[in-house]
Amino acid sequence: MSLELAPEPGRREDLPLELSDEQESVKITGFWMFLVTDVLIFASLFSAYAVYRPRVATGPGPLELFHFGPALLETLLLLTSSFTVGIAIYEMRKGRPGGVMAWTIATLALGAAFVFLEIHEFASYAALGATWHQSAFLSAFYVLVGTHGAHVSFGILWAVTLLVQLARRGLTPVTARKLYTFSLYWHFLDVVWVFIFTVVYLMGKIA
């Protein structure tokens, strides 16, 4: 006679691991609410940028300052990282922690490269004298793009902590939920960057 292990209380075996525990799935819902507040923050920053964009004072405007090359490379890095984090979640649902770690590390590396390029971009503008206090346009630009960069930097630190937890605990409903919410956060940042690239860089060169 074979013995079957009883399922854990509150655990659904027919759902993905991150949703299999009722308490953890509620935390995912809570994280969606956090993302809504972040949407409001970035909406405010985009609004401020739209208002202050024409106010260049004696400093350079978007047409003189921006270059497509760095912005396109940053976009490529971040969109690729969205793909790699998606594969990490796929590996998680297949129960392959090694694949999860490998693709999360790839996501982390792409995010780090993005932040490095953004810092280099800001430094190059500052070297030209285009600092944040020179005009209302530059203040709004640095705050908007810098806030996004700070979010990406936080995401990198978050990914490092997730890798440590995954190495110590393996795939559990808790670590799976944390990985899933991280992926939501990362995809959100990618969407925000698409708007930044369009509104700030693309429209800045053609408008």
N, C-alpha and C. Protein backbone atom coordinates (compact mmCIF):
# COMPACT_ATOMS: atom_id res chain seq x y z
N MET A 1 0.85 -1.18 0.00
CA MET A 1 0.00 0.00 0.00
C MET A 1 0.89 1.24 0.00
N SER A 2 0.63 2.20 -0.92
CA SER A 2 1.44 3.40 -1.01
C SER A 2 0.82 4.50 -0.17
N LEU A 3 1.68 5.33 0.39
CA LEU A 3 1.24 6.45 1.21
C LEU A 3 1.46 7.74 0.44
N GLU A 4 0.46 8.63 0.40
CA GLU A 4 0.57 9.92 -0.27
C GLU A 4 0.67 11.01 0.79
N LEU A 5 1.57 11.95 0.54
CA LEU A 5 1.72 13.07 1.47
C LEU A 5 0.53 14.01 1.35
N ALA A 6 0.02 14.42 2.46
CA ALA A 6 -1.09 15.38 2.45
C ALA A 6 -0.59 16.74 1.99
N PRO A 7 -1.36 17.45 1.19
CA PRO A 7 -0.93 18.78 0.75
C PRO A 7 -0.83 19.75 1.90
N GLU A 8 0.07 20.73 1.78
CA GLU A 8 0.22 21.73 2.83
C GLU A 8 -1.06 22.55 2.95
N PRO A 9 -1.43 22.97 4.18
CA PRO A 9 -2.63 23.78 4.36
C PRO A 9 -2.55 25.06 3.53
N GLY A 10 -3.62 25.38 2.82
CA GLY A 10 -3.66 26.59 2.00
C GLY A 10 -2.90 26.50 0.70
N ARG A 11 -2.39 25.34 0.35
CA ARG A 11 -1.57 25.15 -0.84
C ARG A 11 -2.40 24.55 -1.96
N ARG A 12 -2.36 25.17 -3.16
CA ARG A 12 -3.06 24.67 -4.33
C ARG A 12 -2.04 24.09 -5.28
N GLU A 13 -2.13 22.78 -5.52
CA GLU A 13 -1.17 22.11 -6.39
C GLU A 13 -1.43 22.36 -7.86
N ASP A 14 -2.64 22.85 -8.22
CA ASP A 14 -3.00 23.05 -9.62
C ASP A 14 -2.65 24.45 -10.11
N LEU A 15 -2.02 25.27 -9.26
CA LEU A 15 -1.66 26.63 -9.63
C LEU A 15 -0.15 26.77 -9.73
N PRO A 16 0.34 27.81 -10.45
CA PRO A 16 1.78 28.08 -10.45
C PRO A 16 2.30 28.26 -9.03
N LEU A 17 3.58 27.97 -8.84
CA LEU A 17 4.14 27.96 -7.49
C LEU A 17 3.94 29.27 -6.76
N GLU A 18 4.08 30.39 -7.46
CA GLU A 18 3.96 31.68 -6.78
C GLU A 18 2.52 31.99 -6.37
N LEU A 19 1.55 31.27 -6.94
CA LEU A 19 0.14 31.47 -6.60
C LEU A 19 -0.44 30.33 -5.78
N SER A 20 0.38 29.31 -5.51
CA SER A 20 -0.14 28.11 -4.86
C SER A 20 -0.45 28.31 -3.38
N ASP A 21 0.15 29.31 -2.76
CA ASP A 21 -0.11 29.61 -1.36
C ASP A 21 -0.99 30.84 -1.28
N GLU A 22 -2.08 30.74 -0.55
CA GLU A 22 -3.06 31.84 -0.51
C GLU A 22 -2.46 33.12 0.05
N GLN A 23 -1.68 33.02 1.10
CA GLN A 23 -1.08 34.21 1.70
C GLN A 23 -0.12 34.89 0.74
N GLU A 24 0.67 34.08 0.02
CA GLU A 24 1.63 34.66 -0.93
C GLU A 24 0.92 35.30 -2.12
N SER A 25 -0.16 34.70 -2.57
CA SER A 25 -0.90 35.28 -3.70
C SER A 25 -1.53 36.62 -3.31
N VAL A 26 -1.94 36.76 -2.05
CA VAL A 26 -2.47 38.04 -1.58
C VAL A 26 -1.38 39.11 -1.62
N LYS A 27 -0.15 38.75 -1.31
CA LYS A 27 0.96 39.69 -1.36
C LYS A 27 1.22 40.16 -2.79
N ILE A 28 0.98 39.29 -3.76
CA ILE A 28 1.12 39.70 -5.16
C ILE A 28 0.09 40.77 -5.49
N THR A 29 -1.14 40.60 -5.02
CA THR A 29 -2.17 41.61 -5.22
C THR A 29 -1.75 42.94 -4.59
N GLY A 30 -1.17 42.86 -3.40
CA GLY A 30 -0.68 44.07 -2.75
C GLY A 30 0.41 44.75 -3.55
N PHE A 31 1.25 43.96 -4.21
CA PHE A 31 2.33 44.55 -5.00
C PHE A 31 1.78 45.28 -6.22
N TRP A 32 0.69 44.77 -6.79
CA TRP A 32 0.05 45.48 -7.89
C TRP A 32 -0.39 46.87 -7.43
N MET A 33 -0.88 46.98 -6.20
CA MET A 33 -1.28 48.28 -5.67
C MET A 33 -0.08 49.22 -5.54
N PHE A 34 1.07 48.66 -5.15
CA PHE A 34 2.30 49.46 -5.09
C PHE A 34 2.65 50.00 -6.47
N LEU A 35 2.51 49.16 -7.49
CA LEU A 35 2.84 49.60 -8.85
C LEU A 35 1.91 50.73 -9.29
N VAL A 36 0.65 50.69 -8.84
CA VAL A 36 -0.27 51.78 -9.17
C VAL A 36 0.25 53.11 -8.61
N THR A 37 0.76 53.10 -7.39
CA THR A 37 1.31 54.33 -6.81
C THR A 37 2.54 54.80 -7.60
N ASP A 38 3.33 53.85 -8.09
CA ASP A 38 4.49 54.23 -8.90
C ASP A 38 4.06 54.83 -10.24
N VAL A 39 2.97 54.32 -10.79
CA VAL A 39 2.42 54.91 -12.02
C VAL A 39 2.07 56.37 -11.78
N LEU A 40 1.47 56.66 -10.64
CA LEU A 40 1.10 58.04 -10.32
C LEU A 40 2.33 58.93 -10.18
N ILE A 41 3.39 58.38 -9.58
CA ILE A 41 4.63 59.15 -9.43
C ILE A 41 5.20 59.52 -10.80
N PHE A 42 5.32 58.52 -11.66
CA PHE A 42 5.90 58.80 -12.98
C PHE A 42 4.97 59.66 -13.83
N ALA A 43 3.67 59.51 -13.67
CA ALA A 43 2.75 60.38 -14.39
C ALA A 43 2.97 61.84 -14.00
N SER A 44 3.20 62.08 -12.73
CA SER A 44 3.48 63.44 -12.26
C SER A 44 4.78 63.97 -12.85
N LEU A 45 5.80 63.11 -12.89
CA LEU A 45 7.09 63.54 -13.43
C LEU A 45 7.01 63.80 -14.93
N PHE A 46 6.25 62.98 -15.66
CA PHE A 46 6.06 63.22 -17.09
C PHE A 46 5.31 64.54 -17.32
N SER A 47 4.32 64.80 -16.47
CA SER A 47 3.57 66.05 -16.60
C SER A 47 4.47 67.26 -16.37
N ALA A 48 5.30 67.16 -15.34
CA ALA A 48 6.23 68.26 -15.05
C ALA A 48 7.21 68.46 -16.21
N TYR A 49 7.69 67.36 -16.78
CA TYR A 49 8.62 67.47 -17.91
C TYR A 49 7.94 68.13 -19.10
N ALA A 50 6.69 67.75 -19.37
CA ALA A 50 5.97 68.34 -20.50
C ALA A 50 5.81 69.85 -20.33
N VAL A 51 5.59 70.29 -19.09
CA VAL A 51 5.41 71.72 -18.83
C VAL A 51 6.73 72.47 -18.97
N TYR A 52 7.82 71.89 -18.44
CA TYR A 52 9.10 72.60 -18.38
C TYR A 52 10.00 72.37 -19.59
N ARG A 53 9.62 71.48 -20.46
CA ARG A 53 10.48 71.17 -21.61
C ARG A 53 10.85 72.39 -22.45
N PRO A 54 9.92 73.33 -22.72
CA PRO A 54 10.31 74.49 -23.53
C PRO A 54 11.18 75.51 -22.78
N ARG A 55 11.29 75.39 -21.48
CA ARG A 55 11.95 76.41 -20.68
C ARG A 55 13.43 76.06 -20.51
N VAL A 56 14.19 76.39 -21.55
CA VAL A 56 15.61 76.01 -21.57
C VAL A 56 16.52 77.12 -21.06
N ALA A 57 15.94 78.32 -20.84
CA ALA A 57 16.74 79.47 -20.37
C ALA A 57 17.95 79.67 -21.28
N THR A 58 19.15 79.74 -20.70
CA THR A 58 20.36 79.93 -21.51
C THR A 58 21.07 78.62 -21.80
N GLY A 59 20.50 77.51 -21.34
CA GLY A 59 21.13 76.21 -21.53
C GLY A 59 20.70 75.55 -22.83
N PRO A 60 21.26 74.38 -23.14
CA PRO A 60 20.88 73.67 -24.36
C PRO A 60 19.50 73.05 -24.23
N GLY A 61 18.83 72.89 -25.35
CA GLY A 61 17.55 72.22 -25.39
C GLY A 61 17.71 70.76 -25.80
N PRO A 62 16.61 70.03 -25.90
CA PRO A 62 16.70 68.61 -26.27
C PRO A 62 17.38 68.38 -27.61
N LEU A 63 17.10 69.26 -28.59
CA LEU A 63 17.66 69.07 -29.93
C LEU A 63 19.18 69.13 -29.91
N GLU A 64 19.75 70.02 -29.11
CA GLU A 64 21.21 70.15 -29.05
C GLU A 64 21.85 69.12 -28.13
N LEU A 65 21.11 68.67 -27.13
CA LEU A 65 21.71 67.85 -26.09
C LEU A 65 21.67 66.35 -26.37
N PHE A 66 20.53 65.85 -26.83
CA PHE A 66 20.34 64.41 -26.91
C PHE A 66 20.94 63.81 -28.18
N HIS A 67 21.36 62.57 -28.06
CA HIS A 67 21.86 61.78 -29.18
C HIS A 67 21.16 60.42 -29.16
N PHE A 68 20.80 59.93 -30.34
CA PHE A 68 20.04 58.69 -30.42
C PHE A 68 20.86 57.47 -30.01
N GLY A 69 22.17 57.49 -30.32
CA GLY A 69 23.00 56.30 -30.08
C GLY A 69 22.92 55.77 -28.66
N PRO A 70 23.29 56.56 -27.65
CA PRO A 70 23.23 56.07 -26.26
C PRO A 70 21.83 55.67 -25.83
N ALA A 71 20.83 56.48 -26.23
CA ALA A 71 19.45 56.17 -25.83
C ALA A 71 18.97 54.87 -26.45
N LEU A 72 19.34 54.63 -27.71
CA LEU A 72 18.95 53.37 -28.36
C LEU A 72 19.62 52.18 -27.71
N LEU A 73 20.89 52.34 -27.34
CA LEU A 73 21.60 51.25 -26.67
C LEU A 73 20.99 50.95 -25.31
N GLU A 74 20.65 51.99 -24.57
CA GLU A 74 19.99 51.80 -23.27
C GLU A 74 18.65 51.09 -23.45
N THR A 75 17.92 51.47 -24.50
CA THR A 75 16.63 50.83 -24.77
C THR A 75 16.82 49.36 -25.10
N LEU A 76 17.81 49.05 -25.92
CA LEU A 76 18.08 47.67 -26.28
C LEU A 76 18.43 46.83 -25.05
N LEU A 77 19.26 47.38 -24.17
CA LEU A 77 19.65 46.66 -22.96
C LEU A 77 18.45 46.37 -22.07
N LEU A 78 17.60 47.38 -21.88
CA LEU A 78 16.49 47.21 -20.96
C LEU A 78 15.42 46.28 -21.54
N LEU A 79 15.14 46.39 -22.84
CA LEU A 79 14.15 45.50 -23.45
C LEU A 79 14.65 44.06 -23.47
N THR A 80 15.95 43.88 -23.67
CA THR A 80 16.51 42.53 -23.61
C THR A 80 16.41 41.96 -22.20
N SER A 81 16.61 42.82 -21.20
CA SER A 81 16.49 42.36 -19.82
C SER A 81 15.06 41.95 -19.49
N SER A 82 14.08 42.57 -20.13
CA SER A 82 12.70 42.17 -19.94
C SER A 82 12.48 40.76 -20.48
N PHE A 83 13.15 40.44 -21.58
CA PHE A 83 13.08 39.10 -22.16
C PHE A 83 13.73 38.07 -21.23
N THR A 84 14.90 38.42 -20.68
CA THR A 84 15.61 37.46 -19.82
C THR A 84 14.87 37.21 -18.52
N VAL A 85 14.24 38.23 -17.96
CA VAL A 85 13.49 38.00 -16.72
C VAL A 85 12.26 37.16 -17.01
N GLY A 86 11.70 37.30 -18.21
CA GLY A 86 10.58 36.44 -18.59
C GLY A 86 10.99 34.98 -18.68
N ILE A 87 12.19 34.73 -19.20
CA ILE A 87 12.69 33.36 -19.26
C ILE A 87 12.95 32.83 -17.85
N ALA A 88 13.43 33.69 -16.95
CA ALA A 88 13.65 33.28 -15.56
C ALA A 88 12.35 32.79 -14.92
N ILE A 89 11.25 33.49 -15.19
CA ILE A 89 9.95 33.06 -14.65
C ILE A 89 9.51 31.75 -15.29
N TYR A 90 9.79 31.59 -16.58
CA TYR A 90 9.47 30.33 -17.25
C TYR A 90 10.24 29.18 -16.62
N GLU A 91 11.52 29.39 -16.35
CA GLU A 91 12.33 28.37 -15.71
C GLU A 91 11.82 28.07 -14.30
N MET A 92 11.35 29.11 -13.60
CA MET A 92 10.80 28.91 -12.26
C MET A 92 9.58 28.00 -12.31
N ARG A 93 8.71 28.23 -13.27
CA ARG A 93 7.50 27.42 -13.36
C ARG A 93 7.78 26.00 -13.85
N LYS A 94 8.94 25.80 -14.45
CA LYS A 94 9.36 24.46 -14.82
C LYS A 94 10.11 23.76 -13.68
N GLY A 95 10.31 24.49 -12.56
CA GLY A 95 10.99 23.90 -11.42
C GLY A 95 12.48 23.73 -11.60
N ARG A 96 13.11 24.66 -12.33
CA ARG A 96 14.55 24.57 -12.60
C ARG A 96 15.25 25.76 -11.96
N PRO A 97 15.67 25.63 -10.69
CA PRO A 97 16.30 26.76 -9.99
C PRO A 97 17.60 27.22 -10.64
N GLY A 98 18.36 26.29 -11.24
CA GLY A 98 19.59 26.69 -11.92
C GLY A 98 19.32 27.64 -13.07
N GLY A 99 18.29 27.34 -13.86
CA GLY A 99 17.91 28.22 -14.95
C GLY A 99 17.41 29.57 -14.46
N VAL A 100 16.66 29.54 -13.35
CA VAL A 100 16.17 30.80 -12.76
C VAL A 100 17.34 31.70 -12.38
N MET A 101 18.33 31.12 -11.73
CA MET A 101 19.48 31.90 -11.28
C MET A 101 20.27 32.44 -12.47
N ALA A 102 20.47 31.60 -13.48
CA ALA A 102 21.26 32.02 -14.65
C ALA A 102 20.60 33.20 -15.37
N TRP A 103 19.29 33.11 -15.59
CA TRP A 103 18.61 34.16 -16.33
C TRP A 103 18.40 35.41 -15.48
N THR A 104 18.28 35.23 -14.16
CA THR A 104 18.20 36.40 -13.28
C THR A 104 19.54 37.14 -13.25
N ILE A 105 20.64 36.40 -13.26
CA ILE A 105 21.96 37.03 -13.33
C ILE A 105 22.12 37.79 -14.64
N ALA A 106 21.62 37.22 -15.74
CA ALA A 106 21.66 37.91 -17.02
C ALA A 106 20.86 39.21 -16.97
N THR A 107 19.70 39.16 -16.33
CA THR A 107 18.88 40.36 -16.17
C THR A 107 19.61 41.41 -15.35
N LEU A 108 20.24 40.96 -14.27
CA LEU A 108 21.00 41.86 -13.41
C LEU A 108 22.14 42.52 -14.19
N ALA A 109 22.86 41.75 -15.00
CA ALA A 109 23.98 42.29 -15.76
C ALA A 109 23.51 43.33 -16.78
N LEU A 110 22.40 43.05 -17.45
CA LEU A 110 21.87 44.00 -18.43
C LEU A 110 21.40 45.28 -17.74
N GLY A 111 20.77 45.12 -16.57
CA GLY A 111 20.35 46.30 -15.82
C GLY A 111 21.54 47.13 -15.36
N ALA A 112 22.60 46.46 -14.91
CA ALA A 112 23.79 47.18 -14.48
C ALA A 112 24.43 47.94 -15.64
N ALA A 113 24.44 47.33 -16.83
CA ALA A 113 24.98 48.02 -18.00
C ALA A 113 24.14 49.24 -18.34
N PHE A 114 22.82 49.12 -18.20
CA PHE A 114 21.93 50.25 -18.45
C PHE A 114 22.25 51.41 -17.50
N VAL A 115 22.38 51.09 -16.21
CA VAL A 115 22.66 52.14 -15.22
C VAL A 115 24.02 52.79 -15.50
N PHE A 116 25.01 51.98 -15.87
CA PHE A 116 26.33 52.52 -16.18
C PHE A 116 26.24 53.51 -17.35
N LEU A 117 25.52 53.15 -18.40
CA LEU A 117 25.38 54.05 -19.55
C LEU A 117 24.63 55.33 -19.17
N GLU A 118 23.64 55.19 -18.31
CA GLU A 118 22.89 56.37 -17.91
C GLU A 118 23.76 57.32 -17.07
N ILE A 119 24.55 56.77 -16.18
CA ILE A 119 25.46 57.60 -15.40
C ILE A 119 26.47 58.28 -16.32
N HIS A 120 26.99 57.54 -17.30
CA HIS A 120 27.93 58.11 -18.27
C HIS A 120 27.26 59.23 -19.07
N GLU A 121 26.00 59.04 -19.43
CA GLU A 121 25.26 60.06 -20.16
C GLU A 121 25.12 61.33 -19.32
N PHE A 122 24.72 61.17 -18.06
CA PHE A 122 24.58 62.33 -17.18
C PHE A 122 25.91 63.05 -17.00
N ALA A 123 26.98 62.27 -16.85
CA ALA A 123 28.31 62.87 -16.65
C ALA A 123 28.74 63.66 -17.88
N SER A 124 28.42 63.12 -19.07
CA SER A 124 28.80 63.82 -20.30
C SER A 124 28.02 65.12 -20.44
N TYR A 125 26.75 65.14 -20.03
CA TYR A 125 25.98 66.37 -20.08
C TYR A 125 26.54 67.39 -19.09
N ALA A 126 26.89 66.92 -17.89
CA ALA A 126 27.44 67.81 -16.88
C ALA A 126 28.77 68.41 -17.34
N ALA A 127 29.56 67.62 -18.06
CA ALA A 127 30.83 68.11 -18.57
C ALA A 127 30.65 69.24 -19.58
N LEU A 128 29.49 69.24 -20.25
CA LEU A 128 29.17 70.30 -21.19
C LEU A 128 28.55 71.52 -20.50
N GLY A 129 28.38 71.42 -19.19
CA GLY A 129 27.76 72.50 -18.44
C GLY A 129 26.26 72.39 -18.33
N ALA A 130 25.69 71.31 -18.86
CA ALA A 130 24.24 71.12 -18.82
C ALA A 130 23.86 70.42 -17.52
N THR A 131 23.95 71.13 -16.42
CA THR A 131 23.62 70.57 -15.12
C THR A 131 22.15 70.84 -14.79
N TRP A 132 21.67 70.19 -13.73
CA TRP A 132 20.23 70.23 -13.43
C TRP A 132 19.72 71.61 -13.06
N HIS A 133 20.59 72.49 -12.53
CA HIS A 133 20.13 73.80 -12.08
C HIS A 133 20.24 74.87 -13.16
N GLN A 134 20.65 74.49 -14.38
CA GLN A 134 20.84 75.50 -15.43
C GLN A 134 19.52 75.95 -16.04
N SER A 135 18.53 75.08 -16.07
CA SER A 135 17.23 75.44 -16.64
C SER A 135 16.15 74.55 -16.06
N ALA A 136 14.90 74.98 -16.22
CA ALA A 136 13.77 74.17 -15.75
C ALA A 136 13.70 72.87 -16.56
N PHE A 137 14.00 72.95 -17.86
CA PHE A 137 14.01 71.75 -18.70
C PHE A 137 15.00 70.71 -18.17
N LEU A 138 16.21 71.13 -17.87
CA LEU A 138 17.22 70.19 -17.39
C LEU A 138 16.86 69.63 -16.02
N SER A 139 16.26 70.46 -15.16
CA SER A 139 15.82 69.96 -13.85
C SER A 139 14.78 68.86 -14.02
N ALA A 140 13.78 69.10 -14.89
CA ALA A 140 12.74 68.11 -15.11
C ALA A 140 13.30 66.85 -15.76
N PHE A 141 14.26 67.02 -16.67
CA PHE A 141 14.87 65.86 -17.33
C PHE A 141 15.62 64.99 -16.34
N TYR A 142 16.48 65.61 -15.54
CA TYR A 142 17.27 64.82 -14.59
C TYR A 142 16.40 64.13 -13.55
N VAL A 143 15.35 64.80 -13.10
CA VAL A 143 14.48 64.18 -12.10
C VAL A 143 13.73 63.00 -12.70
N LEU A 144 13.17 63.18 -13.89
CA LEU A 144 12.40 62.09 -14.52
C LEU A 144 13.28 60.89 -14.84
N VAL A 145 14.35 61.11 -15.59
CA VAL A 145 15.21 60.00 -16.01
C VAL A 145 15.99 59.45 -14.82
N GLY A 146 16.41 60.33 -13.92
CA GLY A 146 17.13 59.87 -12.73
C GLY A 146 16.27 59.03 -11.80
N THR A 147 14.99 59.39 -11.67
CA THR A 147 14.09 58.59 -10.83
C THR A 147 13.94 57.19 -11.40
N HIS A 148 13.83 57.11 -12.71
CA HIS A 148 13.76 55.77 -13.34
C HIS A 148 15.06 55.01 -13.12
N GLY A 149 16.19 55.68 -13.27
CA GLY A 149 17.47 55.02 -13.04
C GLY A 149 17.63 54.54 -11.61
N ALA A 150 17.11 55.32 -10.66
CA ALA A 150 17.15 54.90 -9.26
C ALA A 150 16.30 53.66 -9.04
N HIS A 151 15.17 53.58 -9.72
CA HIS A 151 14.32 52.39 -9.64
C HIS A 151 15.06 51.17 -10.19
N VAL A 152 15.75 51.35 -11.32
CA VAL A 152 16.51 50.22 -11.89
C VAL A 152 17.61 49.79 -10.93
N SER A 153 18.29 50.75 -10.32
CA SER A 153 19.35 50.42 -9.36
C SER A 153 18.79 49.64 -8.18
N PHE A 154 17.63 50.05 -7.68
CA PHE A 154 17.00 49.30 -6.61
C PHE A 154 16.65 47.89 -7.07
N GLY A 155 16.16 47.77 -8.32
CA GLY A 155 15.84 46.45 -8.86
C GLY A 155 17.05 45.54 -8.91
N ILE A 156 18.20 46.10 -9.22
CA ILE A 156 19.43 45.30 -9.25
C ILE A 156 19.76 44.76 -7.86
N LEU A 157 19.67 45.63 -6.85
CA LEU A 157 19.92 45.18 -5.48
C LEU A 157 18.89 44.13 -5.06
N TRP A 158 17.66 44.32 -5.46
CA TRP A 158 16.61 43.35 -5.16
C TRP A 158 16.94 42.00 -5.79
N ALA A 159 17.39 42.02 -7.04
CA ALA A 159 17.73 40.77 -7.73
C ALA A 159 18.86 40.04 -7.01
N VAL A 160 19.84 40.79 -6.49
CA VAL A 160 20.95 40.16 -5.76
C VAL A 160 20.43 39.43 -4.53
N THR A 161 19.53 40.09 -3.77
CA THR A 161 18.98 39.45 -2.57
C THR A 161 18.16 38.21 -2.95
N LEU A 162 17.46 38.27 -4.07
CA LEU A 162 16.68 37.11 -4.50
C LEU A 162 17.59 35.94 -4.87
N LEU A 163 18.71 36.22 -5.50
CA LEU A 163 19.65 35.16 -5.85
C LEU A 163 20.20 34.49 -4.59
N VAL A 164 20.49 35.30 -3.57
CA VAL A 164 20.98 34.74 -2.31
C VAL A 164 19.92 33.84 -1.67
N GLN A 165 18.69 34.32 -1.64
CA GLN A 165 17.61 33.53 -1.04
C GLN A 165 17.35 32.25 -1.83
N LEU A 166 17.41 32.35 -3.14
CA LEU A 166 17.19 31.18 -3.98
C LEU A 166 18.28 30.14 -3.76
N ALA A 167 19.53 30.60 -3.63
CA ALA A 167 20.63 29.68 -3.39
C ALA A 167 20.50 28.99 -2.04
N ARG A 168 19.96 29.68 -1.05
CA ARG A 168 19.85 29.11 0.29
C ARG A 168 18.61 28.25 0.48
N ARG A 169 17.48 28.69 -0.11
CA ARG A 169 16.21 28.04 0.19
C ARG A 169 15.63 27.24 -0.98
N GLY A 170 16.13 27.50 -2.18
CA GLY A 170 15.56 26.84 -3.34
C GLY A 170 14.23 27.46 -3.74
N LEU A 171 13.50 26.77 -4.61
CA LEU A 171 12.21 27.25 -5.07
C LEU A 171 11.12 26.85 -4.09
N THR A 172 10.54 27.81 -3.45
CA THR A 172 9.42 27.61 -2.54
C THR A 172 8.33 28.61 -2.92
N PRO A 173 7.11 28.45 -2.39
CA PRO A 173 6.09 29.46 -2.68
C PRO A 173 6.53 30.88 -2.33
N VAL A 174 7.34 31.03 -1.28
CA VAL A 174 7.80 32.36 -0.87
C VAL A 174 8.81 32.92 -1.86
N THR A 175 9.85 32.15 -2.19
CA THR A 175 10.85 32.66 -3.13
C THR A 175 10.25 32.83 -4.52
N ALA A 176 9.31 31.95 -4.89
CA ALA A 176 8.66 32.08 -6.19
C ALA A 176 7.83 33.36 -6.26
N ARG A 177 7.14 33.68 -5.17
CA ARG A 177 6.36 34.91 -5.14
C ARG A 177 7.27 36.12 -5.25
N LYS A 178 8.40 36.10 -4.56
CA LYS A 178 9.33 37.22 -4.62
C LYS A 178 9.91 37.39 -6.02
N LEU A 179 10.25 36.28 -6.67
CA LEU A 179 10.75 36.35 -8.04
C LEU A 179 9.69 36.89 -8.99
N TYR A 180 8.46 36.46 -8.78
CA TYR A 180 7.38 36.91 -9.66
C TYR A 180 7.12 38.41 -9.50
N THR A 181 7.08 38.89 -8.24
CA THR A 181 6.86 40.32 -8.04
C THR A 181 8.03 41.14 -8.57
N PHE A 182 9.25 40.59 -8.46
CA PHE A 182 10.39 41.27 -9.06
C PHE A 182 10.22 41.39 -10.56
N SER A 183 9.74 40.34 -11.20
CA SER A 183 9.53 40.38 -12.66
C SER A 183 8.48 41.42 -13.03
N LEU A 184 7.41 41.53 -12.23
CA LEU A 184 6.41 42.57 -12.48
C LEU A 184 7.03 43.96 -12.40
N TYR A 185 7.83 44.16 -11.37
CA TYR A 185 8.52 45.44 -11.17
C TYR A 185 9.44 45.75 -12.35
N TRP A 186 10.16 44.75 -12.81
CA TRP A 186 11.13 44.97 -13.89
C TRP A 186 10.42 45.27 -15.20
N HIS A 187 9.34 44.53 -15.49
CA HIS A 187 8.57 44.81 -16.70
C HIS A 187 7.97 46.22 -16.65
N PHE A 188 7.53 46.63 -15.46
CA PHE A 188 6.99 47.98 -15.30
C PHE A 188 8.04 49.03 -15.65
N LEU A 189 9.27 48.83 -15.18
CA LEU A 189 10.34 49.78 -15.49
C LEU A 189 10.64 49.82 -16.98
N ASP A 190 10.53 48.68 -17.65
CA ASP A 190 10.74 48.66 -19.10
C ASP A 190 9.67 49.46 -19.82
N VAL A 191 8.42 49.33 -19.38
CA VAL A 191 7.34 50.10 -19.99
C VAL A 191 7.56 51.60 -19.77
N VAL A 192 7.95 51.97 -18.56
CA VAL A 192 8.22 53.38 -18.27
C VAL A 192 9.34 53.90 -19.16
N TRP A 193 10.39 53.08 -19.37
CA TRP A 193 11.50 53.53 -20.20
C TRP A 193 11.06 53.74 -21.65
N VAL A 194 10.17 52.91 -22.15
CA VAL A 194 9.66 53.10 -23.52
C VAL A 194 9.01 54.47 -23.63
N PHE A 195 8.25 54.87 -22.62
CA PHE A 195 7.64 56.21 -22.62
C PHE A 195 8.71 57.29 -22.51
N ILE A 196 9.74 57.07 -21.68
CA ILE A 196 10.82 58.05 -21.57
C ILE A 196 11.54 58.20 -22.90
N PHE A 197 11.86 57.09 -23.53
CA PHE A 197 12.55 57.15 -24.81
C PHE A 197 11.72 57.91 -25.84
N THR A 198 10.40 57.66 -25.84
CA THR A 198 9.53 58.31 -26.82
C THR A 198 9.34 59.79 -26.53
N VAL A 199 8.98 60.10 -25.28
CA VAL A 199 8.63 61.47 -24.93
C VAL A 199 9.87 62.36 -24.80
N VAL A 200 10.93 61.83 -24.19
CA VAL A 200 12.11 62.65 -23.92
C VAL A 200 13.07 62.66 -25.11
N TYR A 201 13.51 61.51 -25.53
CA TYR A 201 14.57 61.44 -26.54
C TYR A 201 14.02 61.58 -27.96
N LEU A 202 13.03 60.76 -28.31
CA LEU A 202 12.53 60.78 -29.69
C LEU A 202 11.86 62.10 -30.00
N MET A 203 10.91 62.51 -29.18
CA MET A 203 10.22 63.78 -29.43
C MET A 203 11.16 64.97 -29.27
N GLY A 204 12.19 64.80 -28.42
CA GLY A 204 13.16 65.89 -28.25
C GLY A 204 13.98 66.15 -29.50
N LYS A 205 14.14 65.13 -30.33
CA LYS A 205 14.94 65.29 -31.55
C LYS A 205 14.11 65.68 -32.77
N ILE A 206 12.82 65.40 -32.71
CA ILE A 206 12.00 65.67 -33.91
C ILE A 206 11.01 66.83 -33.70
N ALA A 207 10.78 67.20 -32.44
CA ALA A 207 9.80 68.25 -32.18
C ALA A 207 10.48 69.61 -32.01
